[in-house]
Amino acid sequence: MPTLGEKYIPPIKLHPGSSLAEKLEELELSPQDFAKQIGVEDNIVVDIVEEKGTITPSLADAFEQALKIPAAFWLRKQKRYREFVEKQESSRAIEYIPKTIGHPGISLAEKLEEMDVSPKDFAKEIGADESVIMDIVTEKDEGRISTELAEAFHKALGIPAHYWIRGQELYDELVLNNETEEARLQRRIKQTITEKHPGDILAEEIDKLKIPPVEFAKQTGMDIEIIMDLIMEESTMSRNLAEELEKHLNISARSWLNVQQRYDKAHEEAVAKLELVKA
């Protein structure tokens, strides 16, 4: 290792934490002991060694005092690493441009299925409400990806936030341009109803099994189109379907039909209220 004043040229693409880890190993110092030595929290040094943290000017000065490696080295390496990451993210941004317009929940559902992660587990991982993620993957109107969620998706999935935000914007524009008066009315009715549709409950029950709807259909021998139509609230719970679901889930056929009845009643009341407002 050079002494103060000597030129120290670091590799360009490596996180500065790799150099710190090598030096501490050479000195037989743990990150925790080194943190105590320079008077900072353990997690600050651990994060840098694990290539998660950033070396600030004050840390660079502390490293220089303790390791006799110029502060300029650490700051230069941090700068080059940041530039490298920004360049990589910029090139990846081109890859992640929505090529077709559809609900962004389609992309999320495909990604989670690819990773073999259920929406429920994904919601826990990113600290989001489970119902919010379920609404997105089942492509419901209320299932919208906010900027905050897009950032969380970026961290968890490695897909840039702008991809999710732009996908949501394009879908919103598509819906707005193509929505008929009847579709607008139906959307307003759904927003008014507080009772759960049987499809909501079915989606929750399948998610508890930690398998996607497609796998549920395969395991039970049920028609995937019937399952998805119910989850998407494009169909109603029939007696035959309720009896079939009773065989595979811990919910009686009567309970399924009661849910449908409550939803139908709430739907009728919502329609009546909207008609009253229009009049």
C-alpha atoms as a PDB file:
ATOM      1  CA  MET A   1       0.000   0.000   0.000  1.00  0.00           C
ATOM      2  CA  PRO A   2       1.328   3.489  -0.834  1.00  0.00           C
ATOM      3  CA  THR A   3       1.946   6.131   1.796  1.00  0.00           C
ATOM      4  CA  LEU A   4       0.401   9.595   1.841  1.00  0.00           C
ATOM      5  CA  GLY A   5       1.248  11.599  -1.248  1.00  0.00           C
ATOM      6  CA  GLU A   6       1.827   8.598  -3.519  1.00  0.00           C
ATOM      7  CA  LYS A   7      -0.496   8.093  -6.484  1.00  0.00           C
ATOM      8  CA  TYR A   8      -3.078   5.375  -5.869  1.00  0.00           C
ATOM      9  CA  ILE A   9      -5.076   4.411  -8.985  1.00  0.00           C
ATOM     10  CA  PRO A  10      -8.150   2.276  -8.167  1.00  0.00           C
ATOM     11  CA  PRO A  11     -10.095  -0.041 -10.449  1.00  0.00           C
ATOM     12  CA  ILE A  12     -12.915   1.955 -12.076  1.00  0.00           C
ATOM     13  CA  LYS A  13     -15.949  -0.295 -11.817  1.00  0.00           C
ATOM     14  CA  LEU A  14     -15.588  -1.765  -8.335  1.00  0.00           C
ATOM     15  CA  HIS A  15     -17.498  -0.444  -5.364  1.00  0.00           C
ATOM     16  CA  PRO A  16     -15.068   1.234  -2.915  1.00  0.00           C
ATOM     17  CA  GLY A  17     -16.284  -1.225  -0.321  1.00  0.00           C
ATOM     18  CA  SER A  18     -14.268  -3.971  -2.007  1.00  0.00           C
ATOM     19  CA  SER A  19     -11.040  -2.030  -1.407  1.00  0.00           C
ATOM     20  CA  LEU A  20     -12.017  -1.343   2.199  1.00  0.00           C
ATOM     21  CA  ALA A  21     -12.802  -5.031   2.771  1.00  0.00           C
ATOM     22  CA  GLU A  22      -9.390  -6.048   1.359  1.00  0.00           C
ATOM     23  CA  LYS A  23      -7.573  -3.534   3.544  1.00  0.00           C
ATOM     24  CA  LEU A  24      -9.399  -4.561   6.712  1.00  0.00           C
ATOM     25  CA  GLU A  25      -8.688  -8.215   5.961  1.00  0.00           C
ATOM     26  CA  GLU A  26      -5.013  -7.366   5.511  1.00  0.00           C
ATOM     27  CA  LEU A  27      -5.029  -5.589   8.886  1.00  0.00           C
ATOM     28  CA  GLU A  28      -7.058  -8.421  10.466  1.00  0.00           C
ATOM     29  CA  LEU A  29      -9.718  -5.934  11.508  1.00  0.00           C
ATOM     30  CA  SER A  30     -13.443  -6.632  11.477  1.00  0.00           C
ATOM     31  CA  PRO A  31     -15.770  -3.930  10.085  1.00  0.00           C
ATOM     32  CA  GLN A  32     -17.197  -3.525  13.587  1.00  0.00           C
ATOM     33  CA  ASP A  33     -13.775  -2.974  15.181  1.00  0.00           C
ATOM     34  CA  PHE A  34     -12.819  -0.545  12.439  1.00  0.00           C
ATOM     35  CA  ALA A  35     -16.070   1.366  12.973  1.00  0.00           C
ATOM     36  CA  LYS A  36     -15.221   1.763  16.669  1.00  0.00           C
ATOM     37  CA  GLN A  37     -11.710   2.866  15.757  1.00  0.00           C
ATOM     38  CA  ILE A  38     -12.934   5.735  13.566  1.00  0.00           C
ATOM     39  CA  GLY A  39     -15.932   6.554  15.776  1.00  0.00           C
ATOM     40  CA  VAL A  40     -18.897   5.670  13.565  1.00  0.00           C
ATOM     41  CA  GLU A  41     -21.846   3.284  13.809  1.00  0.00           C
ATOM     42  CA  ASP A  42     -21.087  -0.360  12.955  1.00  0.00           C
ATOM     43  CA  ASN A  43     -23.738  -0.509  10.240  1.00  0.00           C
ATOM     44  CA  ILE A  44     -22.111   2.354   8.303  1.00  0.00           C
ATOM     45  CA  VAL A  45     -18.889   0.419   7.777  1.00  0.00           C
ATOM     46  CA  VAL A  46     -20.703  -2.914   7.314  1.00  0.00           C
ATOM     47  CA  ASP A  47     -22.890  -1.389   4.573  1.00  0.00           C
ATOM     48  CA  ILE A  48     -19.820  -0.077   2.743  1.00  0.00           C
ATOM     49  CA  VAL A  49     -17.976  -3.400   3.001  1.00  0.00           C
ATOM     50  CA  GLU A  50     -21.104  -5.147   1.693  1.00  0.00           C
ATOM     51  CA  GLU A  51     -21.161  -2.632  -1.175  1.00  0.00           C
ATOM     52  CA  LYS A  52     -24.418  -1.034  -0.115  1.00  0.00           C
ATOM     53  CA  GLY A  53     -23.209   2.177   1.504  1.00  0.00           C
ATOM     54  CA  THR A  54     -21.650   5.400   0.239  1.00  0.00           C
ATOM     55  CA  ILE A  55     -18.348   6.945   1.304  1.00  0.00           C
ATOM     56  CA  THR A  56     -18.918  10.587   2.229  1.00  0.00           C
ATOM     57  CA  PRO A  57     -16.141  13.224   2.470  1.00  0.00           C
ATOM     58  CA  SER A  58     -16.101  12.928   6.289  1.00  0.00           C
ATOM     59  CA  LEU A  59     -15.765   9.130   6.076  1.00  0.00           C
ATOM     60  CA  ALA A  60     -13.024   9.454   3.470  1.00  0.00           C
ATOM     61  CA  ASP A  61     -11.098  11.718   5.879  1.00  0.00           C
ATOM     62  CA  ALA A  62     -11.563   9.171   8.680  1.00  0.00           C
ATOM     63  CA  PHE A  63     -10.336   6.365   6.399  1.00  0.00           C
ATOM     64  CA  GLU A  64      -7.266   8.424   5.507  1.00  0.00           C
ATOM     65  CA  GLN A  65      -6.396   8.981   9.150  1.00  0.00           C
ATOM     66  CA  ALA A  66      -6.841   5.304  10.070  1.00  0.00           C
ATOM     67  CA  LEU A  67      -5.577   3.543   6.935  1.00  0.00           C
ATOM     68  CA  LYS A  68      -3.096   6.078   5.489  1.00  0.00           C
ATOM     69  CA  ILE A  69      -4.837   5.893   2.126  1.00  0.00           C
ATOM     70  CA  PRO A  70      -5.671   9.379   0.776  1.00  0.00           C
ATOM     71  CA  ALA A  71      -9.236  10.615   1.143  1.00  0.00           C
ATOM     72  CA  ALA A  72      -9.074  11.540  -2.539  1.00  0.00           C
ATOM     73  CA  PHE A  73      -8.743   7.852  -3.405  1.00  0.00           C
ATOM     74  CA  TRP A  74     -11.944   6.900  -1.619  1.00  0.00           C
ATOM     75  CA  LEU A  75     -13.910   9.837  -3.026  1.00  0.00           C
ATOM     76  CA  ARG A  76     -12.609   9.285  -6.549  1.00  0.00           C
ATOM     77  CA  LYS A  77     -13.517   5.620  -6.408  1.00  0.00           C
ATOM     78  CA  GLN A  78     -16.968   6.401  -5.025  1.00  0.00           C
ATOM     79  CA  LYS A  79     -17.516   8.941  -7.829  1.00  0.00           C
ATOM     80  CA  ARG A  80     -16.429   6.505 -10.544  1.00  0.00           C
ATOM     81  CA  TYR A  81     -18.601   3.759  -9.127  1.00  0.00           C
ATOM     82  CA  ARG A  82     -21.612   6.082  -9.018  1.00  0.00           C
ATOM     83  CA  GLU A  83     -21.009   7.117 -12.640  1.00  0.00           C
ATOM     84  CA  PHE A  84     -20.726   3.454 -13.639  1.00  0.00           C
ATOM     85  CA  VAL A  85     -24.022   2.582 -11.913  1.00  0.00           C
ATOM     86  CA  GLU A  86     -25.790   5.569 -13.480  1.00  0.00           C
ATOM     87  CA  LYS A  87     -24.547   4.538 -16.909  1.00  0.00           C
ATOM     88  CA  GLN A  88     -25.748   0.969 -16.358  1.00  0.00           C
ATOM     89  CA  GLU A  89     -29.164   2.147 -15.196  1.00  0.00           C
ATOM     90  CA  SER A  90     -29.401   4.505 -18.154  1.00  0.00           C
ATOM     91  CA  SER A  91     -28.755   1.665 -20.605  1.00  0.00           C
ATOM     92  CA  ARG A  92     -31.233  -0.577 -18.788  1.00  0.00           C
ATOM     93  CA  ALA A  93     -33.860   2.164 -18.970  1.00  0.00           C
ATOM     94  CA  ILE A  94     -34.006   1.669 -22.744  1.00  0.00           C
ATOM     95  CA  GLU A  95     -34.783  -2.011 -22.205  1.00  0.00           C
ATOM     96  CA  TYR A  96     -37.647  -1.251 -19.853  1.00  0.00           C
ATOM     97  CA  ILE A  97     -39.991   0.757 -22.045  1.00  0.00           C
ATOM     98  CA  PRO A  98     -43.564  -0.569 -22.260  1.00  0.00           C
ATOM     99  CA  LYS A  99     -43.975  -1.962 -25.795  1.00  0.00           C
ATOM    100  CA  THR A 100     -47.689  -2.651 -25.519  1.00  0.00           C
ATOM    101  CA  ILE A 101     -50.395  -0.887 -23.561  1.00  0.00           C
ATOM    102  CA  GLY A 102     -52.094  -2.933 -20.902  1.00  0.00           C
ATOM    103  CA  HIS A 103     -52.653  -2.862 -17.169  1.00  0.00           C
ATOM    104  CA  PRO A 104     -49.224  -2.802 -15.453  1.00  0.00           C
ATOM    105  CA  GLY A 105     -50.496  -5.553 -13.186  1.00  0.00           C
ATOM    106  CA  ILE A 106     -49.921  -7.979 -16.064  1.00  0.00           C
ATOM    107  CA  SER A 107     -46.175  -7.325 -15.953  1.00  0.00           C
ATOM    108  CA  LEU A 108     -46.095  -7.571 -12.163  1.00  0.00           C
ATOM    109  CA  ALA A 109     -48.003 -10.870 -12.145  1.00  0.00           C
ATOM    110  CA  GLU A 110     -45.648 -12.319 -14.780  1.00  0.00           C
ATOM    111  CA  LYS A 111     -42.572 -11.218 -12.842  1.00  0.00           C
ATOM    112  CA  LEU A 112     -43.829 -12.655  -9.551  1.00  0.00           C
ATOM    113  CA  GLU A 113     -44.730 -15.937 -11.250  1.00  0.00           C
ATOM    114  CA  GLU A 114     -41.242 -16.045 -12.794  1.00  0.00           C
ATOM    115  CA  MET A 115     -39.725 -15.536  -9.326  1.00  0.00           C
ATOM    116  CA  ASP A 116     -42.183 -18.015  -7.740  1.00  0.00           C
ATOM    117  CA  VAL A 117     -43.301 -15.346  -5.245  1.00  0.00           C
ATOM    118  CA  SER A 118     -46.932 -14.910  -4.230  1.00  0.00           C
ATOM    119  CA  PRO A 119     -48.503 -11.408  -4.219  1.00  0.00           C
ATOM    120  CA  LYS A 120     -48.969 -11.769  -0.459  1.00  0.00           C
ATOM    121  CA  ASP A 121     -45.272 -12.481   0.156  1.00  0.00           C
ATOM    122  CA  PHE A 122     -44.267  -9.706  -2.233  1.00  0.00           C
ATOM    123  CA  ALA A 123     -46.478  -7.242  -0.370  1.00  0.00           C
ATOM    124  CA  LYS A 124     -44.745  -8.185   2.893  1.00  0.00           C
ATOM    125  CA  GLU A 125     -41.324  -7.864   1.281  1.00  0.00           C
ATOM    126  CA  ILE A 126     -41.914  -4.281   0.142  1.00  0.00           C
ATOM    127  CA  GLY A 127     -44.037  -3.277   3.146  1.00  0.00           C
ATOM    128  CA  ALA A 128     -47.204  -2.673   1.125  1.00  0.00           C
ATOM    129  CA  ASP A 129     -50.825  -3.475   1.866  1.00  0.00           C
ATOM    130  CA  GLU A 130     -51.646  -6.968   0.591  1.00  0.00           C
ATOM    131  CA  SER A 131     -54.959  -5.830  -0.905  1.00  0.00           C
ATOM    132  CA  VAL A 132     -53.175  -3.147  -2.939  1.00  0.00           C
ATOM    133  CA  ILE A 133     -50.848  -5.684  -4.583  1.00  0.00           C
ATOM    134  CA  MET A 134     -53.739  -8.085  -5.178  1.00  0.00           C
ATOM    135  CA  ASP A 135     -55.738  -5.304  -6.873  1.00  0.00           C
ATOM    136  CA  ILE A 136     -52.771  -4.585  -9.148  1.00  0.00           C
ATOM    137  CA  VAL A 137     -52.017  -8.179 -10.185  1.00  0.00           C
ATOM    138  CA  THR A 138     -55.726  -8.843 -10.807  1.00  0.00           C
ATOM    139  CA  GLU A 139     -55.852  -5.694 -12.979  1.00  0.00           C
ATOM    140  CA  LYS A 140     -58.591  -3.937 -11.078  1.00  0.00           C
ATOM    141  CA  ASP A 141     -59.319  -0.263 -11.753  1.00  0.00           C
ATOM    142  CA  GLU A 142     -58.424   0.614  -8.175  1.00  0.00           C
ATOM    143  CA  GLY A 143     -55.142  -1.298  -8.510  1.00  0.00           C
ATOM    144  CA  ARG A 144     -52.930   1.636  -9.432  1.00  0.00           C
ATOM    145  CA  ILE A 145     -49.144   1.889  -9.183  1.00  0.00           C
ATOM    146  CA  SER A 146     -48.165   5.068  -7.373  1.00  0.00           C
ATOM    147  CA  THR A 147     -44.719   6.665  -7.533  1.00  0.00           C
ATOM    148  CA  GLU A 148     -43.973   5.247  -4.081  1.00  0.00           C
ATOM    149  CA  LEU A 149     -44.938   1.731  -5.180  1.00  0.00           C
ATOM    150  CA  ALA A 150     -42.917   2.089  -8.383  1.00  0.00           C
ATOM    151  CA  GLU A 151     -39.826   2.896  -6.298  1.00  0.00           C
ATOM    152  CA  ALA A 152     -40.498  -0.133  -4.097  1.00  0.00           C
ATOM    153  CA  PHE A 153     -40.894  -2.332  -7.189  1.00  0.00           C
ATOM    154  CA  HIS A 154     -37.574  -1.012  -8.498  1.00  0.00           C
ATOM    155  CA  LYS A 155     -35.750  -1.975  -5.296  1.00  0.00           C
ATOM    156  CA  ALA A 156     -37.346  -5.411  -5.064  1.00  0.00           C
ATOM    157  CA  LEU A 157     -37.465  -6.424  -8.730  1.00  0.00           C
ATOM    158  CA  GLY A 158     -34.657  -4.414 -10.323  1.00  0.00           C
ATOM    159  CA  ILE A 159     -37.034  -2.953 -12.910  1.00  0.00           C
ATOM    160  CA  PRO A 160     -36.759   0.873 -13.055  1.00  0.00           C
ATOM    161  CA  ALA A 161     -39.490   2.908 -11.396  1.00  0.00           C
ATOM    162  CA  HIS A 162     -40.082   4.858 -14.614  1.00  0.00           C
ATOM    163  CA  TYR A 163     -41.211   1.621 -16.326  1.00  0.00           C
ATOM    164  CA  TRP A 164     -44.037   1.098 -13.829  1.00  0.00           C
ATOM    165  CA  ILE A 165     -45.011   4.781 -13.752  1.00  0.00           C
ATOM    166  CA  ARG A 166     -45.087   5.079 -17.542  1.00  0.00           C
ATOM    167  CA  GLY A 167     -47.008   1.803 -17.840  1.00  0.00           C
ATOM    168  CA  GLN A 168     -49.639   3.156 -15.442  1.00  0.00           C
ATOM    169  CA  GLU A 169     -49.842   6.461 -17.335  1.00  0.00           C
ATOM    170  CA  LEU A 170     -50.303   4.720 -20.685  1.00  0.00           C
ATOM    171  CA  TYR A 171     -52.987   2.444 -19.268  1.00  0.00           C
ATOM    172  CA  ASP A 172     -54.820   5.385 -17.686  1.00  0.00           C
ATOM    173  CA  GLU A 173     -54.773   7.219 -21.022  1.00  0.00           C
ATOM    174  CA  LEU A 174     -56.070   4.129 -22.807  1.00  0.00           C
ATOM    175  CA  VAL A 175     -58.933   3.704 -20.345  1.00  0.00           C
ATOM    176  CA  LEU A 176     -59.837   7.394 -20.510  1.00  0.00           C
ATOM    177  CA  ASN A 177     -59.880   7.453 -24.309  1.00  0.00           C
ATOM    178  CA  ASN A 178     -61.816   4.201 -24.737  1.00  0.00           C
ATOM    179  CA  GLU A 179     -64.183   4.337 -21.795  1.00  0.00           C
ATOM    180  CA  THR A 180     -67.844   4.432 -22.788  1.00  0.00           C
ATOM    181  CA  GLU A 181     -70.571   6.059 -20.746  1.00  0.00           C
ATOM    182  CA  GLU A 182     -71.662   2.604 -19.566  1.00  0.00           C
ATOM    183  CA  ALA A 183     -68.082   1.711 -18.556  1.00  0.00           C
ATOM    184  CA  ARG A 184     -67.774   4.964 -16.615  1.00  0.00           C
ATOM    185  CA  LEU A 185     -71.026   4.181 -14.833  1.00  0.00           C
ATOM    186  CA  GLN A 186     -69.848   0.671 -13.930  1.00  0.00           C
ATOM    187  CA  ARG A 187     -66.543   2.048 -12.632  1.00  0.00           C
ATOM    188  CA  ARG A 188     -68.373   4.527 -10.420  1.00  0.00           C
ATOM    189  CA  ILE A 189     -70.644   1.757  -9.135  1.00  0.00           C
ATOM    190  CA  LYS A 190     -67.636  -0.413  -8.200  1.00  0.00           C
ATOM    191  CA  GLN A 191     -66.027   2.494  -6.380  1.00  0.00           C
ATOM    192  CA  THR A 192     -69.203   2.919  -4.321  1.00  0.00           C
ATOM    193  CA  ILE A 193     -69.617  -0.726  -3.270  1.00  0.00           C
ATOM    194  CA  THR A 194     -68.052  -1.738   0.051  1.00  0.00           C
ATOM    195  CA  GLU A 195     -69.044  -5.421  -0.021  1.00  0.00           C
ATOM    196  CA  LYS A 196     -66.467  -7.859  -1.389  1.00  0.00           C
ATOM    197  CA  HIS A 197     -67.072  -9.609  -4.680  1.00  0.00           C
ATOM    198  CA  PRO A 198     -66.628 -13.429  -4.498  1.00  0.00           C
ATOM    199  CA  GLY A 199     -63.685 -12.970  -6.870  1.00  0.00           C
ATOM    200  CA  ASP A 200     -61.866 -10.920  -4.223  1.00  0.00           C
ATOM    201  CA  ILE A 201     -62.226 -13.702  -1.691  1.00  0.00           C
ATOM    202  CA  LEU A 202     -61.206 -16.362  -4.203  1.00  0.00           C
ATOM    203  CA  ALA A 203     -58.055 -14.396  -5.057  1.00  0.00           C
ATOM    204  CA  GLU A 204     -57.216 -14.113  -1.343  1.00  0.00           C
ATOM    205  CA  GLU A 205     -57.784 -17.836  -0.726  1.00  0.00           C
ATOM    206  CA  ILE A 206     -55.602 -18.851  -3.683  1.00  0.00           C
ATOM    207  CA  ASP A 207     -52.902 -16.443  -2.506  1.00  0.00           C
ATOM    208  CA  LYS A 208     -52.940 -18.126   0.921  1.00  0.00           C
ATOM    209  CA  LEU A 209     -51.941 -21.331  -0.860  1.00  0.00           C
ATOM    210  CA  LYS A 210     -48.937 -19.424  -2.277  1.00  0.00           C
ATOM    211  CA  ILE A 211     -49.660 -20.515  -5.816  1.00  0.00           C
ATOM    212  CA  PRO A 212     -50.847 -18.529  -8.855  1.00  0.00           C
ATOM    213  CA  PRO A 213     -54.424 -19.003 -10.155  1.00  0.00           C
ATOM    214  CA  VAL A 214     -53.093 -21.007 -13.105  1.00  0.00           C
ATOM    215  CA  GLU A 215     -51.526 -23.565 -10.759  1.00  0.00           C
ATOM    216  CA  PHE A 216     -54.703 -23.671  -8.644  1.00  0.00           C
ATOM    217  CA  ALA A 217     -56.694 -24.496 -11.770  1.00  0.00           C
ATOM    218  CA  LYS A 218     -54.231 -27.249 -12.710  1.00  0.00           C
ATOM    219  CA  GLN A 219     -54.254 -28.814  -9.243  1.00  0.00           C
ATOM    220  CA  THR A 220     -58.044 -28.780  -8.958  1.00  0.00           C
ATOM    221  CA  GLY A 221     -58.867 -29.548 -12.578  1.00  0.00           C
ATOM    222  CA  MET A 222     -60.970 -26.391 -12.809  1.00  0.00           C
ATOM    223  CA  ASP A 223     -61.239 -24.187 -15.898  1.00  0.00           C
ATOM    224  CA  ILE A 224     -58.712 -21.338 -15.629  1.00  0.00           C
ATOM    225  CA  GLU A 225     -60.983 -19.001 -17.615  1.00  0.00           C
ATOM    226  CA  ILE A 226     -63.783 -19.501 -15.099  1.00  0.00           C
ATOM    227  CA  ILE A 227     -61.364 -18.857 -12.229  1.00  0.00           C
ATOM    228  CA  MET A 228     -59.928 -15.708 -13.823  1.00  0.00           C
ATOM    229  CA  ASP A 229     -63.333 -14.339 -14.875  1.00  0.00           C
ATOM    230  CA  LEU A 230     -64.480 -14.547 -11.259  1.00  0.00           C
ATOM    231  CA  ILE A 231     -61.268 -13.007  -9.896  1.00  0.00           C
ATOM    232  CA  MET A 232     -61.555 -10.186 -12.442  1.00  0.00           C
ATOM    233  CA  GLU A 233     -65.192  -9.698 -11.348  1.00  0.00           C
ATOM    234  CA  GLU A 234     -66.401 -10.377 -14.868  1.00  0.00           C
ATOM    235  CA  SER A 235     -68.703 -13.202 -13.751  1.00  0.00           C
ATOM    236  CA  THR A 236     -70.809 -14.167 -10.757  1.00  0.00           C
ATOM    237  CA  MET A 237     -70.726 -17.082  -8.347  1.00  0.00           C
ATOM    238  CA  SER A 238     -73.013 -19.833  -9.586  1.00  0.00           C
ATOM    239  CA  ARG A 239     -74.212 -22.741  -7.457  1.00  0.00           C
ATOM    240  CA  ASN A 240     -72.135 -25.225  -9.475  1.00  0.00           C
ATOM    241  CA  LEU A 241     -68.985 -23.136  -9.070  1.00  0.00           C
ATOM    242  CA  ALA A 242     -69.635 -22.659  -5.351  1.00  0.00           C
ATOM    243  CA  GLU A 243     -69.990 -26.419  -4.878  1.00  0.00           C
ATOM    244  CA  GLU A 244     -66.814 -27.058  -6.855  1.00  0.00           C
ATOM    245  CA  LEU A 245     -64.831 -24.538  -4.788  1.00  0.00           C
ATOM    246  CA  GLU A 246     -66.178 -26.072  -1.581  1.00  0.00           C
ATOM    247  CA  LYS A 247     -64.302 -29.269  -2.494  1.00  0.00           C
ATOM    248  CA  HIS A 248     -60.948 -27.476  -2.683  1.00  0.00           C
ATOM    249  CA  LEU A 249     -61.167 -24.571  -0.226  1.00  0.00           C
ATOM    250  CA  ASN A 250     -62.309 -24.354   3.361  1.00  0.00           C
ATOM    251  CA  ILE A 251     -65.386 -22.300   2.451  1.00  0.00           C
ATOM    252  CA  SER A 252     -68.844 -23.827   2.067  1.00  0.00           C
ATOM    253  CA  ALA A 253     -70.928 -23.417  -1.062  1.00  0.00           C
ATOM    254  CA  ARG A 254     -73.551 -21.599   1.007  1.00  0.00           C
ATOM    255  CA  SER A 255     -70.946 -19.065   2.151  1.00  0.00           C
ATOM    256  CA  TRP A 256     -69.873 -18.382  -1.427  1.00  0.00           C
ATOM    257  CA  LEU A 257     -73.486 -17.824  -2.473  1.00  0.00           C
ATOM    258  CA  ASN A 258     -74.112 -15.557   0.521  1.00  0.00           C
ATOM    259  CA  VAL A 259     -71.148 -13.423  -0.490  1.00  0.00           C
ATOM    260  CA  GLN A 260     -72.599 -13.125  -3.987  1.00  0.00           C
ATOM    261  CA  GLN A 261     -76.013 -12.167  -2.605  1.00  0.00           C
ATOM    262  CA  ARG A 262     -74.531  -9.439  -0.383  1.00  0.00           C
ATOM    263  CA  TYR A 263     -72.521  -8.101  -3.289  1.00  0.00           C
ATOM    264  CA  ASP A 264     -75.561  -8.109  -5.607  1.00  0.00           C
ATOM    265  CA  LYS A 265     -77.593  -6.206  -3.014  1.00  0.00           C
ATOM    266  CA  ALA A 266     -74.804  -3.625  -2.555  1.00  0.00           C
ATOM    267  CA  HIS A 267     -74.568  -3.313  -6.341  1.00  0.00           C
ATOM    268  CA  GLU A 268     -78.306  -2.633  -6.654  1.00  0.00           C
ATOM    269  CA  GLU A 269     -78.129   0.006  -3.894  1.00  0.00           C
ATOM    270  CA  ALA A 270     -75.145   1.692  -5.579  1.00  0.00           C
ATOM    271  CA  VAL A 271     -76.969   1.810  -8.919  1.00  0.00           C
ATOM    272  CA  ALA A 272     -80.059   3.293  -7.252  1.00  0.00           C
ATOM    273  CA  LYS A 273     -77.968   6.009  -5.552  1.00  0.00           C
ATOM    274  CA  LEU A 274     -76.241   6.959  -8.809  1.00  0.00           C
ATOM    275  CA  GLU A 275     -79.539   7.024 -10.675  1.00  0.00           C
ATOM    276  CA  LEU A 276     -80.930   9.295  -7.958  1.00  0.00           C
ATOM    277  CA  VAL A 277     -77.971  11.647  -8.321  1.00  0.00           C
ATOM    278  CA  LYS A 278     -78.365  11.719 -12.134  1.00  0.00           C
ATOM    279  CA  ALA A 279     -82.072  12.527 -11.775  1.00  0.00           C
END
